[in-house]
Amino acid sequence: MSMLDEKDLQLIGVELGKVLEHNIMPQLDMIHEDIKGIKTEITEMKGEIGGIKSDIIGIKSSMVTKSYLDDKLADLKSDLIGYDRRLEHKTDALIGTLADHRTLTPSDLERLEQARVFPRMTS
């Protein structure tokens, strides 16, 4: 039986070292560089995702809610009714003046009364 002596073991060690140095270590270095690149990309993506999240939060904070919109529409309706009432009050004054001067006939007055937007308030 042939056994390996100390010199043979040293030669095997040297050859294994060469194989590691020339074949395996460059591959491990390439893998290491790839991992660094992936980590950099992930870090950049986290920054972009953070920016997107803040954009979404900004959009949500400026969105109109249904209750807000309902309130604003109710306010607008109230304002428009007020404007219409003032306009009708002015129209009533004009009709009254024309009736006092007998410019309008009773049938004209009846037609204008039927065309009123708001019912006449009686006290």
PDB file of N, CA and C in Angstrom:
ATOM      1  N   MET A   1       0.808  -1.164   0.000  1.00  0.00           N
ATOM      2  CA  MET A   1       0.000   0.000   0.000  1.00  0.00           C
ATOM      3  C   MET A   1       0.855   1.233   0.000  1.00  0.00           C
ATOM      4  N   SER A   2       0.470   2.113  -0.854  1.00  0.00           N
ATOM      5  CA  SER A   2       1.250   3.323  -0.906  1.00  0.00           C
ATOM      6  C   SER A   2       0.524   4.412  -0.152  1.00  0.00           C
ATOM      7  N   MET A   3       1.183   4.946   0.708  1.00  0.00           N
ATOM      8  CA  MET A   3       0.638   6.018   1.532  1.00  0.00           C
ATOM      9  C   MET A   3       1.278   7.309   1.079  1.00  0.00           C
ATOM     10  N   LEU A   4       0.506   8.355   1.254  1.00  0.00           N
ATOM     11  CA  LEU A   4       1.024   9.666   0.889  1.00  0.00           C
ATOM     12  C   LEU A   4       1.926  10.169   2.000  1.00  0.00           C
ATOM     13  N   ASP A   5       3.046  10.650   1.605  1.00  0.00           N
ATOM     14  CA  ASP A   5       3.922  11.206   2.622  1.00  0.00           C
ATOM     15  C   ASP A   5       3.691  12.712   2.761  1.00  0.00           C
ATOM     16  N   GLU A   6       4.431  13.346   3.601  1.00  0.00           N
ATOM     17  CA  GLU A   6       4.252  14.768   3.919  1.00  0.00           C
ATOM     18  C   GLU A   6       4.453  15.639   2.686  1.00  0.00           C
ATOM     19  N   LYS A   7       5.399  15.294   1.840  1.00  0.00           N
ATOM     20  CA  LYS A   7       5.690  16.066   0.645  1.00  0.00           C
ATOM     21  C   LYS A   7       4.508  15.997  -0.330  1.00  0.00           C
ATOM     22  N   ASP A   8       3.933  14.803  -0.465  1.00  0.00           N
ATOM     23  CA  ASP A   8       2.777  14.644  -1.353  1.00  0.00           C
ATOM     24  C   ASP A   8       1.591  15.485  -0.856  1.00  0.00           C
ATOM     25  N   LEU A   9       1.390  15.465   0.423  1.00  0.00           N
ATOM     26  CA  LEU A   9       0.294  16.249   0.999  1.00  0.00           C
ATOM     27  C   LEU A   9       0.527  17.740   0.778  1.00  0.00           C
ATOM     28  N   GLN A  10       1.740  18.192   0.872  1.00  0.00           N
ATOM     29  CA  GLN A  10       2.050  19.590   0.625  1.00  0.00           C
ATOM     30  C   GLN A  10       1.784  19.962  -0.824  1.00  0.00           C
ATOM     31  N   LEU A  11       2.158  19.087  -1.753  1.00  0.00           N
ATOM     32  CA  LEU A  11       1.908  19.333  -3.174  1.00  0.00           C
ATOM     33  C   LEU A  11       0.404  19.387  -3.462  1.00  0.00           C
ATOM     34  N   ILE A  12      -0.341  18.505  -2.838  1.00  0.00           N
ATOM     35  CA  ILE A  12      -1.804  18.517  -3.000  1.00  0.00           C
ATOM     36  C   ILE A  12      -2.355  19.835  -2.465  1.00  0.00           C
ATOM     37  N   GLY A  13      -1.861  20.270  -1.328  1.00  0.00           N
ATOM     38  CA  GLY A  13      -2.301  21.543  -0.736  1.00  0.00           C
ATOM     39  C   GLY A  13      -2.000  22.718  -1.654  1.00  0.00           C
ATOM     40  N   VAL A  14      -0.801  22.710  -2.255  1.00  0.00           N
ATOM     41  CA  VAL A  14      -0.411  23.788  -3.171  1.00  0.00           C
ATOM     42  C   VAL A  14      -1.330  23.788  -4.388  1.00  0.00           C
ATOM     43  N   GLU A  15      -1.615  22.634  -4.940  1.00  0.00           N
ATOM     44  CA  GLU A  15      -2.474  22.539  -6.115  1.00  0.00           C
ATOM     45  C   GLU A  15      -3.916  22.980  -5.773  1.00  0.00           C
ATOM     46  N   LEU A  16      -4.376  22.563  -4.613  1.00  0.00           N
ATOM     47  CA  LEU A  16      -5.718  23.005  -4.180  1.00  0.00           C
ATOM     48  C   LEU A  16      -5.753  24.519  -4.005  1.00  0.00           C
ATOM     49  N   GLY A  17      -4.668  25.074  -3.490  1.00  0.00           N
ATOM     50  CA  GLY A  17      -4.579  26.530  -3.324  1.00  0.00           C
ATOM     51  C   GLY A  17      -4.639  27.234  -4.667  1.00  0.00           C
ATOM     52  N   LYS A  18      -3.957  26.664  -5.684  1.00  0.00           N
ATOM     53  CA  LYS A  18      -3.993  27.257  -7.024  1.00  0.00           C
ATOM     54  C   LYS A  18      -5.398  27.196  -7.622  1.00  0.00           C
ATOM     55  N   VAL A  19      -6.033  26.058  -7.430  1.00  0.00           N
ATOM     56  CA  VAL A  19      -7.396  25.903  -7.944  1.00  0.00           C
ATOM     57  C   VAL A  19      -8.308  26.934  -7.278  1.00  0.00           C
ATOM     58  N   LEU A  20      -8.182  27.067  -5.966  1.00  0.00           N
ATOM     59  CA  LEU A  20      -8.984  28.052  -5.241  1.00  0.00           C
ATOM     60  C   LEU A  20      -8.677  29.456  -5.744  1.00  0.00           C
ATOM     61  N   GLU A  21      -7.406  29.787  -5.884  1.00  0.00           N
ATOM     62  CA  GLU A  21      -6.995  31.140  -6.271  1.00  0.00           C
ATOM     63  C   GLU A  21      -7.421  31.489  -7.699  1.00  0.00           C
ATOM     64  N   HIS A  22      -7.320  30.579  -8.622  1.00  0.00           N
ATOM     65  CA  HIS A  22      -7.573  30.876 -10.027  1.00  0.00           C
ATOM     66  C   HIS A  22      -9.019  30.608 -10.466  1.00  0.00           C
ATOM     67  N   ASN A  23      -9.709  29.717  -9.816  1.00  0.00           N
ATOM     68  CA  ASN A  23     -11.046  29.334 -10.271  1.00  0.00           C
ATOM     69  C   ASN A  23     -12.164  29.735  -9.307  1.00  0.00           C
ATOM     70  N   ILE A  24     -12.010  29.399  -8.063  1.00  0.00           N
ATOM     71  CA  ILE A  24     -13.118  29.585  -7.113  1.00  0.00           C
ATOM     72  C   ILE A  24     -13.155  31.015  -6.589  1.00  0.00           C
ATOM     73  N   MET A  25     -12.039  31.598  -6.212  1.00  0.00           N
ATOM     74  CA  MET A  25     -12.025  32.946  -5.633  1.00  0.00           C
ATOM     75  C   MET A  25     -12.551  34.001  -6.621  1.00  0.00           C
ATOM     76  N   PRO A  26     -12.183  33.978  -7.906  1.00  0.00           N
ATOM     77  CA  PRO A  26     -12.756  34.967  -8.836  1.00  0.00           C
ATOM     78  C   PRO A  26     -14.281  34.846  -8.928  1.00  0.00           C
ATOM     79  N   GLN A  27     -14.767  33.622  -8.893  1.00  0.00           N
ATOM     80  CA  GLN A  27     -16.218  33.421  -8.940  1.00  0.00           C
ATOM     81  C   GLN A  27     -16.886  33.979  -7.678  1.00  0.00           C
ATOM     82  N   LEU A  28     -16.271  33.744  -6.538  1.00  0.00           N
ATOM     83  CA  LEU A  28     -16.810  34.287  -5.283  1.00  0.00           C
ATOM     84  C   LEU A  28     -16.754  35.813  -5.286  1.00  0.00           C
ATOM     85  N   ASP A  29     -15.673  36.394  -5.844  1.00  0.00           N
ATOM     86  CA  ASP A  29     -15.577  37.857  -5.945  1.00  0.00           C
ATOM     87  C   ASP A  29     -16.687  38.419  -6.840  1.00  0.00           C
ATOM     88  N   MET A  30     -16.976  37.726  -7.959  1.00  0.00           N
ATOM     89  CA  MET A  30     -18.053  38.173  -8.846  1.00  0.00           C
ATOM     90  C   MET A  30     -19.412  38.106  -8.131  1.00  0.00           C
ATOM     91  N   ILE A  31     -19.620  37.049  -7.391  1.00  0.00           N
ATOM     92  CA  ILE A  31     -20.877  36.916  -6.630  1.00  0.00           C
ATOM     93  C   ILE A  31     -20.976  38.037  -5.607  1.00  0.00           C
ATOM     94  N   HIS A  32     -19.871  38.333  -4.940  1.00  0.00           N
ATOM     95  CA  HIS A  32     -19.847  39.411  -3.952  1.00  0.00           C
ATOM     96  C   HIS A  32     -20.193  40.760  -4.599  1.00  0.00           C
ATOM     97  N   GLU A  33     -19.637  41.052  -5.768  1.00  0.00           N
ATOM     98  CA  GLU A  33     -19.929  42.306  -6.477  1.00  0.00           C
ATOM     99  C   GLU A  33     -21.407  42.363  -6.899  1.00  0.00           C
ATOM    100  N   ASP A  34     -21.917  41.217  -7.365  1.00  0.00           N
ATOM    101  CA  ASP A  34     -23.333  41.167  -7.746  1.00  0.00           C
ATOM    102  C   ASP A  34     -24.230  41.459  -6.544  1.00  0.00           C
ATOM    103  N   ILE A  35     -23.892  40.911  -5.405  1.00  0.00           N
ATOM    104  CA  ILE A  35     -24.683  41.139  -4.183  1.00  0.00           C
ATOM    105  C   ILE A  35     -24.618  42.605  -3.786  1.00  0.00           C
ATOM    106  N   LYS A  36     -23.432  43.227  -3.889  1.00  0.00           N
ATOM    107  CA  LYS A  36     -23.325  44.659  -3.583  1.00  0.00           C
ATOM    108  C   LYS A  36     -24.216  45.478  -4.523  1.00  0.00           C
ATOM    109  N   GLY A  37     -24.236  45.123  -5.819  1.00  0.00           N
ATOM    110  CA  GLY A  37     -25.080  45.824  -6.783  1.00  0.00           C
ATOM    111  C   GLY A  37     -26.556  45.662  -6.457  1.00  0.00           C
ATOM    112  N   ILE A  38     -26.933  44.469  -6.084  1.00  0.00           N
ATOM    113  CA  ILE A  38     -28.334  44.211  -5.716  1.00  0.00           C
ATOM    114  C   ILE A  38     -28.709  45.018  -4.482  1.00  0.00           C
ATOM    115  N   LYS A  39     -27.825  45.063  -3.499  1.00  0.00           N
ATOM    116  CA  LYS A  39     -28.096  45.853  -2.289  1.00  0.00           C
ATOM    117  C   LYS A  39     -28.265  47.333  -2.633  1.00  0.00           C
ATOM    118  N   THR A  40     -27.434  47.839  -3.524  1.00  0.00           N
ATOM    119  CA  THR A  40     -27.544  49.241  -3.943  1.00  0.00           C
ATOM    120  C   THR A  40     -28.878  49.494  -4.634  1.00  0.00           C
ATOM    121  N   GLU A  41     -29.267  48.588  -5.526  1.00  0.00           N
ATOM    122  CA  GLU A  41     -30.553  48.729  -6.215  1.00  0.00           C
ATOM    123  C   GLU A  41     -31.716  48.690  -5.235  1.00  0.00           C
ATOM    124  N   ILE A  42     -31.647  47.805  -4.266  1.00  0.00           N
ATOM    125  CA  ILE A  42     -32.714  47.707  -3.254  1.00  0.00           C
ATOM    126  C   ILE A  42     -32.794  49.009  -2.463  1.00  0.00           C
ATOM    127  N   THR A  43     -31.649  49.566  -2.098  1.00  0.00           N
ATOM    128  CA  THR A  43     -31.630  50.829  -1.355  1.00  0.00           C
ATOM    129  C   THR A  43     -32.267  51.945  -2.181  1.00  0.00           C
ATOM    130  N   GLU A  44     -31.940  51.994  -3.478  1.00  0.00           N
ATOM    131  CA  GLU A  44     -32.530  53.013  -4.348  1.00  0.00           C
ATOM    132  C   GLU A  44     -34.037  52.812  -4.479  1.00  0.00           C
ATOM    133  N   MET A  45     -34.445  51.554  -4.584  1.00  0.00           N
ATOM    134  CA  MET A  45     -35.878  51.257  -4.703  1.00  0.00           C
ATOM    135  C   MET A  45     -36.623  51.657  -3.431  1.00  0.00           C
ATOM    136  N   LYS A  46     -35.999  51.455  -2.281  1.00  0.00           N
ATOM    137  CA  LYS A  46     -36.630  51.862  -1.026  1.00  0.00           C
ATOM    138  C   LYS A  46     -36.866  53.362  -1.021  1.00  0.00           C
ATOM    139  N   GLY A  47     -35.898  54.125  -1.532  1.00  0.00           N
ATOM    140  CA  GLY A  47     -36.060  55.579  -1.614  1.00  0.00           C
ATOM    141  C   GLY A  47     -37.203  55.953  -2.538  1.00  0.00           C
ATOM    142  N   GLU A  48     -37.290  55.275  -3.684  1.00  0.00           N
ATOM    143  CA  GLU A  48     -38.374  55.560  -4.629  1.00  0.00           C
ATOM    144  C   GLU A  48     -39.728  55.190  -4.025  1.00  0.00           C
ATOM    145  N   ILE A  49     -39.782  54.047  -3.343  1.00  0.00           N
ATOM    146  CA  ILE A  49     -41.033  53.612  -2.709  1.00  0.00           C
ATOM    147  C   ILE A  49     -41.437  54.600  -1.624  1.00  0.00           C
ATOM    148  N   GLY A  50     -40.461  55.094  -0.872  1.00  0.00           N
ATOM    149  CA  GLY A  50     -40.762  56.104   0.146  1.00  0.00           C
ATOM    150  C   GLY A  50     -41.342  57.360  -0.481  1.00  0.00           C
ATOM    151  N   GLY A  51     -40.782  57.764  -1.637  1.00  0.00           N
ATOM    152  CA  GLY A  51     -41.303  58.932  -2.347  1.00  0.00           C
ATOM    153  C   GLY A  51     -42.716  58.697  -2.832  1.00  0.00           C
ATOM    154  N   ILE A  52     -42.973  57.502  -3.341  1.00  0.00           N
ATOM    155  CA  ILE A  52     -44.318  57.166  -3.817  1.00  0.00           C
ATOM    156  C   ILE A  52     -45.294  57.179  -2.647  1.00  0.00           C
ATOM    157  N   LYS A  53     -44.885  56.625  -1.516  1.00  0.00           N
ATOM    158  CA  LYS A  53     -45.757  56.621  -0.327  1.00  0.00           C
ATOM    159  C   LYS A  53     -46.097  58.046   0.097  1.00  0.00           C
ATOM    160  N   SER A  54     -45.106  58.932   0.101  1.00  0.00           N
ATOM    161  CA  SER A  54     -45.382  60.310   0.509  1.00  0.00           C
ATOM    162  C   SER A  54     -46.284  61.004  -0.505  1.00  0.00           C
ATOM    163  N   ASP A  55     -46.130  60.672  -1.803  1.00  0.00           N
ATOM    164  CA  ASP A  55     -47.039  61.223  -2.813  1.00  0.00           C
ATOM    165  C   ASP A  55     -48.472  60.761  -2.564  1.00  0.00           C
ATOM    166  N   ILE A  56     -48.635  59.481  -2.257  1.00  0.00           N
ATOM    167  CA  ILE A  56     -49.967  58.928  -1.994  1.00  0.00           C
ATOM    168  C   ILE A  56     -50.573  59.597  -0.766  1.00  0.00           C
ATOM    169  N   ILE A  57     -49.770  59.785   0.265  1.00  0.00           N
ATOM    170  CA  ILE A  57     -50.270  60.451   1.480  1.00  0.00           C
ATOM    171  C   ILE A  57     -50.694  61.873   1.151  1.00  0.00           C
ATOM    172  N   GLY A  58     -49.909  62.568   0.314  1.00  0.00           N
ATOM    173  CA  GLY A  58     -50.266  63.928  -0.097  1.00  0.00           C
ATOM    174  C   GLY A  58     -51.559  63.959  -0.876  1.00  0.00           C
ATOM    175  N   ILE A  59     -51.733  62.987  -1.760  1.00  0.00           N
ATOM    176  CA  ILE A  59     -52.977  62.922  -2.556  1.00  0.00           C
ATOM    177  C   ILE A  59     -54.154  62.636  -1.637  1.00  0.00           C
ATOM    178  N   LYS A  60     -53.991  61.693  -0.713  1.00  0.00           N
ATOM    179  CA  LYS A  60     -55.084  61.362   0.201  1.00  0.00           C
ATOM    180  C   LYS A  60     -55.470  62.568   1.057  1.00  0.00           C
ATOM    181  N   SER A  61     -54.475  63.327   1.499  1.00  0.00           N
ATOM    182  CA  SER A  61     -54.786  64.457   2.375  1.00  0.00           C
ATOM    183  C   SER A  61     -55.486  65.580   1.636  1.00  0.00           C
ATOM    184  N   SER A  62     -55.319  65.632   0.295  1.00  0.00           N
ATOM    185  CA  SER A  62     -55.983  66.697  -0.459  1.00  0.00           C
ATOM    186  C   SER A  62     -57.262  66.219  -1.139  1.00  0.00           C
ATOM    187  N   MET A  63     -57.632  64.974  -0.923  1.00  0.00           N
ATOM    188  CA  MET A  63     -58.852  64.454  -1.546  1.00  0.00           C
ATOM    189  C   MET A  63     -60.084  65.016  -0.833  1.00  0.00           C
ATOM    190  N   VAL A  64     -61.129  65.216  -1.615  1.00  0.00           N
ATOM    191  CA  VAL A  64     -62.378  65.732  -1.076  1.00  0.00           C
ATOM    192  C   VAL A  64     -63.203  64.558  -0.566  1.00  0.00           C
ATOM    193  N   THR A  65     -63.694  64.677   0.652  1.00  0.00           N
ATOM    194  CA  THR A  65     -64.546  63.621   1.192  1.00  0.00           C
ATOM    195  C   THR A  65     -65.997  63.878   0.803  1.00  0.00           C
ATOM    196  N   LYS A  66     -66.809  62.862   0.897  1.00  0.00           N
ATOM    197  CA  LYS A  66     -68.215  62.996   0.538  1.00  0.00           C
ATOM    198  C   LYS A  66     -68.909  63.997   1.460  1.00  0.00           C
ATOM    199  N   SER A  67     -68.644  63.939   2.744  1.00  0.00           N
ATOM    200  CA  SER A  67     -69.302  64.859   3.670  1.00  0.00           C
ATOM    201  C   SER A  67     -68.885  66.308   3.399  1.00  0.00           C
ATOM    202  N   TYR A  68     -67.617  66.521   3.070  1.00  0.00           N
ATOM    203  CA  TYR A  68     -67.144  67.867   2.738  1.00  0.00           C
ATOM    204  C   TYR A  68     -67.870  68.376   1.495  1.00  0.00           C
ATOM    205  N   LEU A  69     -67.951  67.517   0.483  1.00  0.00           N
ATOM    206  CA  LEU A  69     -68.621  67.893  -0.762  1.00  0.00           C
ATOM    207  C   LEU A  69     -70.107  68.159  -0.519  1.00  0.00           C
ATOM    208  N   ASP A  70     -70.747  67.320   0.293  1.00  0.00           N
ATOM    209  CA  ASP A  70     -72.166  67.539   0.629  1.00  0.00           C
ATOM    210  C   ASP A  70     -72.362  68.893   1.302  1.00  0.00           C
ATOM    211  N   ASP A  71     -71.479  69.222   2.238  1.00  0.00           N
ATOM    212  CA  ASP A  71     -71.579  70.508   2.936  1.00  0.00           C
ATOM    213  C   ASP A  71     -71.412  71.676   1.969  1.00  0.00           C
ATOM    214  N   LYS A  72     -70.438  71.574   1.088  1.00  0.00           N
ATOM    215  CA  LYS A  72     -70.194  72.654   0.137  1.00  0.00           C
ATOM    216  C   LYS A  72     -71.360  72.811  -0.836  1.00  0.00           C
ATOM    217  N   LEU A  73     -71.934  71.695  -1.285  1.00  0.00           N
ATOM    218  CA  LEU A  73     -73.083  71.772  -2.187  1.00  0.00           C
ATOM    219  C   LEU A  73     -74.297  72.368  -1.474  1.00  0.00           C
ATOM    220  N   ALA A  74     -74.477  72.026  -0.202  1.00  0.00           N
ATOM    221  CA  ALA A  74     -75.580  72.600   0.566  1.00  0.00           C
ATOM    222  C   ALA A  74     -75.387  74.109   0.725  1.00  0.00           C
ATOM    223  N   ASP A  75     -74.155  74.527   0.991  1.00  0.00           N
ATOM    224  CA  ASP A  75     -73.867  75.963   1.091  1.00  0.00           C
ATOM    225  C   ASP A  75     -74.161  76.672  -0.229  1.00  0.00           C
ATOM    226  N   LEU A  76     -73.752  76.056  -1.336  1.00  0.00           N
ATOM    227  CA  LEU A  76     -73.986  76.647  -2.650  1.00  0.00           C
ATOM    228  C   LEU A  76     -75.487  76.751  -2.934  1.00  0.00           C
ATOM    229  N   LYS A  77     -76.208  75.701  -2.608  1.00  0.00           N
ATOM    230  CA  LYS A  77     -77.662  75.722  -2.821  1.00  0.00           C
ATOM    231  C   LYS A  77     -78.300  76.845  -2.016  1.00  0.00           C
ATOM    232  N   SER A  78     -77.876  76.992  -0.781  1.00  0.00           N
ATOM    233  CA  SER A  78     -78.400  78.050   0.079  1.00  0.00           C
ATOM    234  C   SER A  78     -78.094  79.430  -0.510  1.00  0.00           C
ATOM    235  N   ASP A  79     -76.869  79.614  -0.987  1.00  0.00           N
ATOM    236  CA  ASP A  79     -76.491  80.898  -1.601  1.00  0.00           C
ATOM    237  C   ASP A  79     -77.337  81.190  -2.838  1.00  0.00           C
ATOM    238  N   LEU A  80     -77.529  80.172  -3.674  1.00  0.00           N
ATOM    239  CA  LEU A  80     -78.312  80.365  -4.891  1.00  0.00           C
ATOM    240  C   LEU A  80     -79.769  80.697  -4.581  1.00  0.00           C
ATOM    241  N   ILE A  81     -80.333  80.043  -3.580  1.00  0.00           N
ATOM    242  CA  ILE A  81     -81.717  80.350  -3.189  1.00  0.00           C
ATOM    243  C   ILE A  81     -81.806  81.786  -2.699  1.00  0.00           C
ATOM    244  N   GLY A  82     -80.800  82.226  -1.930  1.00  0.00           N
ATOM    245  CA  GLY A  82     -80.779  83.614  -1.460  1.00  0.00           C
ATOM    246  C   GLY A  82     -80.736  84.602  -2.614  1.00  0.00           C
ATOM    247  N   TYR A  83     -79.887  84.311  -3.606  1.00  0.00           N
ATOM    248  CA  TYR A  83     -79.809  85.186  -4.782  1.00  0.00           C
ATOM    249  C   TYR A  83     -81.145  85.215  -5.525  1.00  0.00           C
ATOM    250  N   ASP A  84     -81.765  84.042  -5.690  1.00  0.00           N
ATOM    251  CA  ASP A  84     -83.062  83.977  -6.381  1.00  0.00           C
ATOM    252  C   ASP A  84     -84.133  84.761  -5.625  1.00  0.00           C
ATOM    253  N   ARG A  85     -84.133  84.669  -4.303  1.00  0.00           N
ATOM    254  CA  ARG A  85     -85.134  85.405  -3.508  1.00  0.00           C
ATOM    255  C   ARG A  85     -84.941  86.918  -3.660  1.00  0.00           C
ATOM    256  N   ARG A  86     -83.685  87.372  -3.647  1.00  0.00           N
ATOM    257  CA  ARG A  86     -83.433  88.809  -3.839  1.00  0.00           C
ATOM    258  C   ARG A  86     -83.861  89.260  -5.229  1.00  0.00           C
ATOM    259  N   LEU A  87     -83.586  88.428  -6.234  1.00  0.00           N
ATOM    260  CA  LEU A  87     -83.994  88.763  -7.592  1.00  0.00           C
ATOM    261  C   LEU A  87     -85.518  88.812  -7.702  1.00  0.00           C
ATOM    262  N   GLU A  88     -86.177  87.856  -7.072  1.00  0.00           N
ATOM    263  CA  GLU A  88     -87.642  87.858  -7.120  1.00  0.00           C
ATOM    264  C   GLU A  88     -88.209  89.066  -6.375  1.00  0.00           C
ATOM    265  N   HIS A  89     -87.555  89.465  -5.291  1.00  0.00           N
ATOM    266  CA  HIS A  89     -88.005  90.644  -4.548  1.00  0.00           C
ATOM    267  C   HIS A  89     -87.920  91.887  -5.442  1.00  0.00           C
ATOM    268  N   LYS A  90     -86.809  91.980  -6.208  1.00  0.00           N
ATOM    269  CA  LYS A  90     -86.660  93.113  -7.135  1.00  0.00           C
ATOM    270  C   LYS A  90     -87.720  93.048  -8.239  1.00  0.00           C
ATOM    271  N   THR A  91     -87.986  91.846  -8.748  1.00  0.00           N
ATOM    272  CA  THR A  91     -89.003  91.678  -9.784  1.00  0.00           C
ATOM    273  C   THR A  91     -90.379  92.058  -9.252  1.00  0.00           C
ATOM    274  N   ASP A  92     -90.683  91.661  -8.005  1.00  0.00           N
ATOM    275  CA  ASP A  92     -91.969  92.013  -7.384  1.00  0.00           C
ATOM    276  C   ASP A  92     -92.109  93.536  -7.275  1.00  0.00           C
ATOM    277  N   ALA A  93     -91.006  94.204  -6.923  1.00  0.00           N
ATOM    278  CA  ALA A  93     -91.060  95.659  -6.804  1.00  0.00           C
ATOM    279  C   ALA A  93     -91.351  96.295  -8.164  1.00  0.00           C
ATOM    280  N   LEU A  94     -90.705  95.768  -9.204  1.00  0.00           N
ATOM    281  CA  LEU A  94     -90.938  96.284 -10.548  1.00  0.00           C
ATOM    282  C   LEU A  94     -92.384  96.027 -10.988  1.00  0.00           C
ATOM    283  N   ILE A  95     -92.883  94.832 -10.750  1.00  0.00           N
ATOM    284  CA  ILE A  95     -94.270  94.501 -11.113  1.00  0.00           C
ATOM    285  C   ILE A  95     -95.237  95.395 -10.342  1.00  0.00           C
ATOM    286  N   GLY A  96     -94.953  95.614  -9.066  1.00  0.00           N
ATOM    287  CA  GLY A  96     -95.811  96.483  -8.246  1.00  0.00           C
ATOM    288  C   GLY A  96     -95.846  97.900  -8.796  1.00  0.00           C
ATOM    289  N   THR A  97     -94.682  98.392  -9.191  1.00  0.00           N
ATOM    290  CA  THR A  97     -94.614  99.747  -9.749  1.00  0.00           C
ATOM    291  C   THR A  97     -95.402  99.821 -11.056  1.00  0.00           C
ATOM    292  N   LEU A  98     -95.221  98.832 -11.914  1.00  0.00           N
ATOM    293  CA  LEU A  98     -95.963  98.816 -13.184  1.00  0.00           C
ATOM    294  C   LEU A  98     -97.466  98.683 -12.946  1.00  0.00           C
ATOM    295  N   ALA A  99     -97.867  97.922 -11.943  1.00  0.00           N
ATOM    296  CA  ALA A  99     -99.294  97.770 -11.630  1.00  0.00           C
ATOM    297  C   ALA A  99     -99.847  99.079 -11.083  1.00  0.00           C
ATOM    298  N   ASP A 100     -99.080  99.781 -10.249  1.00  0.00           N
ATOM    299  CA  ASP A 100     -99.530 101.065  -9.702  1.00  0.00           C
ATOM    300  C   ASP A 100     -99.737 102.088 -10.810  1.00  0.00           C
ATOM    301  N   HIS A 101     -98.932 102.037 -11.814  1.00  0.00           N
ATOM    302  CA  HIS A 101     -99.067 102.973 -12.933  1.00  0.00           C
ATOM    303  C   HIS A 101    -100.060 102.462 -13.982  1.00  0.00           C
ATOM    304  N   ARG A 102    -100.687 101.349 -13.669  1.00  0.00           N
ATOM    305  CA  ARG A 102    -101.695 100.720 -14.539  1.00  0.00           C
ATOM    306  C   ARG A 102    -101.137 100.363 -15.919  1.00  0.00           C
ATOM    307  N   THR A 103     -99.855 100.001 -15.926  1.00  0.00           N
ATOM    308  CA  THR A 103     -99.228  99.558 -17.171  1.00  0.00           C
ATOM    309  C   THR A 103     -99.583  98.092 -17.450  1.00  0.00           C
ATOM    310  N   LEU A 104     -99.780  97.323 -16.387  1.00  0.00           N
ATOM    311  CA  LEU A 104    -100.116  95.900 -16.515  1.00  0.00           C
ATOM    312  C   LEU A 104    -101.612  95.709 -16.287  1.00  0.00           C
ATOM    313  N   THR A 105    -102.195  94.807 -17.053  1.00  0.00           N
ATOM    314  CA  THR A 105    -103.613  94.479 -16.885  1.00  0.00           C
ATOM    315  C   THR A 105    -103.746  93.435 -15.788  1.00  0.00           C
ATOM    316  N   PRO A 106    -104.946  93.239 -15.246  1.00  0.00           N
ATOM    317  CA  PRO A 106    -105.132  92.185 -14.239  1.00  0.00           C
ATOM    318  C   PRO A 106    -104.742  90.799 -14.759  1.00  0.00           C
ATOM    319  N   SER A 107    -104.973  90.511 -16.038  1.00  0.00           N
ATOM    320  CA  SER A 107    -104.561  89.195 -16.565  1.00  0.00           C
ATOM    321  C   SER A 107    -103.039  89.095 -16.639  1.00  0.00           C
ATOM    322  N   ASP A 108    -102.350  90.207 -16.943  1.00  0.00           N
ATOM    323  CA  ASP A 108    -100.873  90.209 -16.924  1.00  0.00           C
ATOM    324  C   ASP A 108    -100.367  89.927 -15.513  1.00  0.00           C
ATOM    325  N   LEU A 109    -100.987  90.589 -14.536  1.00  0.00           N
ATOM    326  CA  LEU A 109    -100.592  90.384 -13.139  1.00  0.00           C
ATOM    327  C   LEU A 109    -100.809  88.936 -12.714  1.00  0.00           C
ATOM    328  N   GLU A 110    -101.920  88.328 -13.154  1.00  0.00           N
ATOM    329  CA  GLU A 110    -102.213  86.930 -12.809  1.00  0.00           C
ATOM    330  C   GLU A 110    -101.168  85.995 -13.422  1.00  0.00           C
ATOM    331  N   ARG A 111    -100.808  86.243 -14.676  1.00  0.00           N
ATOM    332  CA  ARG A 111     -99.786  85.423 -15.333  1.00  0.00           C
ATOM    333  C   ARG A 111     -98.433  85.550 -14.637  1.00  0.00           C
ATOM    334  N   LEU A 112     -98.073  86.761 -14.274  1.00  0.00           N
ATOM    335  CA  LEU A 112     -96.799  86.956 -13.569  1.00  0.00           C
ATOM    336  C   LEU A 112     -96.816  86.296 -12.190  1.00  0.00           C
ATOM    337  N   GLU A 113     -97.957  86.316 -11.537  1.00  0.00           N
ATOM    338  CA  GLU A 113     -98.092  85.672 -10.219  1.00  0.00           C
ATOM    339  C   GLU A 113     -97.915  84.157 -10.355  1.00  0.00           C
ATOM    340  N   GLN A 114     -98.430  83.576 -11.427  1.00  0.00           N
ATOM    341  CA  GLN A 114     -98.303  82.128 -11.631  1.00  0.00           C
ATOM    342  C   GLN A 114     -96.864  81.726 -11.992  1.00  0.00           C
ATOM    343  N   ALA A 115     -96.099  82.664 -12.519  1.00  0.00           N
ATOM    344  CA  ALA A 115     -94.726  82.367 -12.916  1.00  0.00           C
ATOM    345  C   ALA A 115     -93.731  82.534 -11.764  1.00  0.00           C
ATOM    346  N   ARG A 116     -94.196  82.866 -10.576  1.00  0.00           N
ATOM    347  CA  ARG A 116     -93.315  83.066  -9.409  1.00  0.00           C
ATOM    348  C   ARG A 116     -92.524  81.778  -9.114  1.00  0.00           C
ATOM    349  N   VAL A 117     -91.304  81.967  -8.676  1.00  0.00           N
ATOM    350  CA  VAL A 117     -90.467  80.838  -8.279  1.00  0.00           C
ATOM    351  C   VAL A 117     -90.794  80.413  -6.855  1.00  0.00           C
ATOM    352  N   PHE A 118     -90.930  81.370  -5.976  1.00  0.00           N
ATOM    353  CA  PHE A 118     -91.214  81.092  -4.569  1.00  0.00           C
ATOM    354  C   PHE A 118     -92.657  81.502  -4.250  1.00  0.00           C
ATOM    355  N   PRO A 119     -93.310  80.748  -3.379  1.00  0.00           N
ATOM    356  CA  PRO A 119     -94.675  81.137  -3.020  1.00  0.00           C
ATOM    357  C   PRO A 119     -94.665  82.455  -2.258  1.00  0.00           C
ATOM    358  N   ARG A 120     -95.719  83.238  -2.441  1.00  0.00           N
ATOM    359  CA  ARG A 120     -95.806  84.535  -1.783  1.00  0.00           C
ATOM    360  C   ARG A 120     -96.031  84.306  -0.285  1.00  0.00           C
ATOM    361  N   MET A 121     -95.256  85.029   0.512  1.00  0.00           N
ATOM    362  CA  MET A 121     -95.371  84.914   1.968  1.00  0.00           C
ATOM    363  C   MET A 121     -96.501  85.834   2.422  1.00  0.00           C
ATOM    364  N   THR A 122     -97.488  85.293   3.092  1.00  0.00           N
ATOM    365  CA  THR A 122     -98.606  86.112   3.607  1.00  0.00           C
ATOM    366  C   THR A 122     -98.460  86.203   5.110  1.00  0.00           C
ATOM    367  N   SER A 123     -98.794  87.376   5.635  1.00  0.00           N
ATOM    368  CA  SER A 123     -98.659  87.521   7.081  1.00  0.00           C
ATOM    369  C   SER A 123     -99.973  87.828   7.717  1.00  0.00           C
TER     370      SER A 123
END
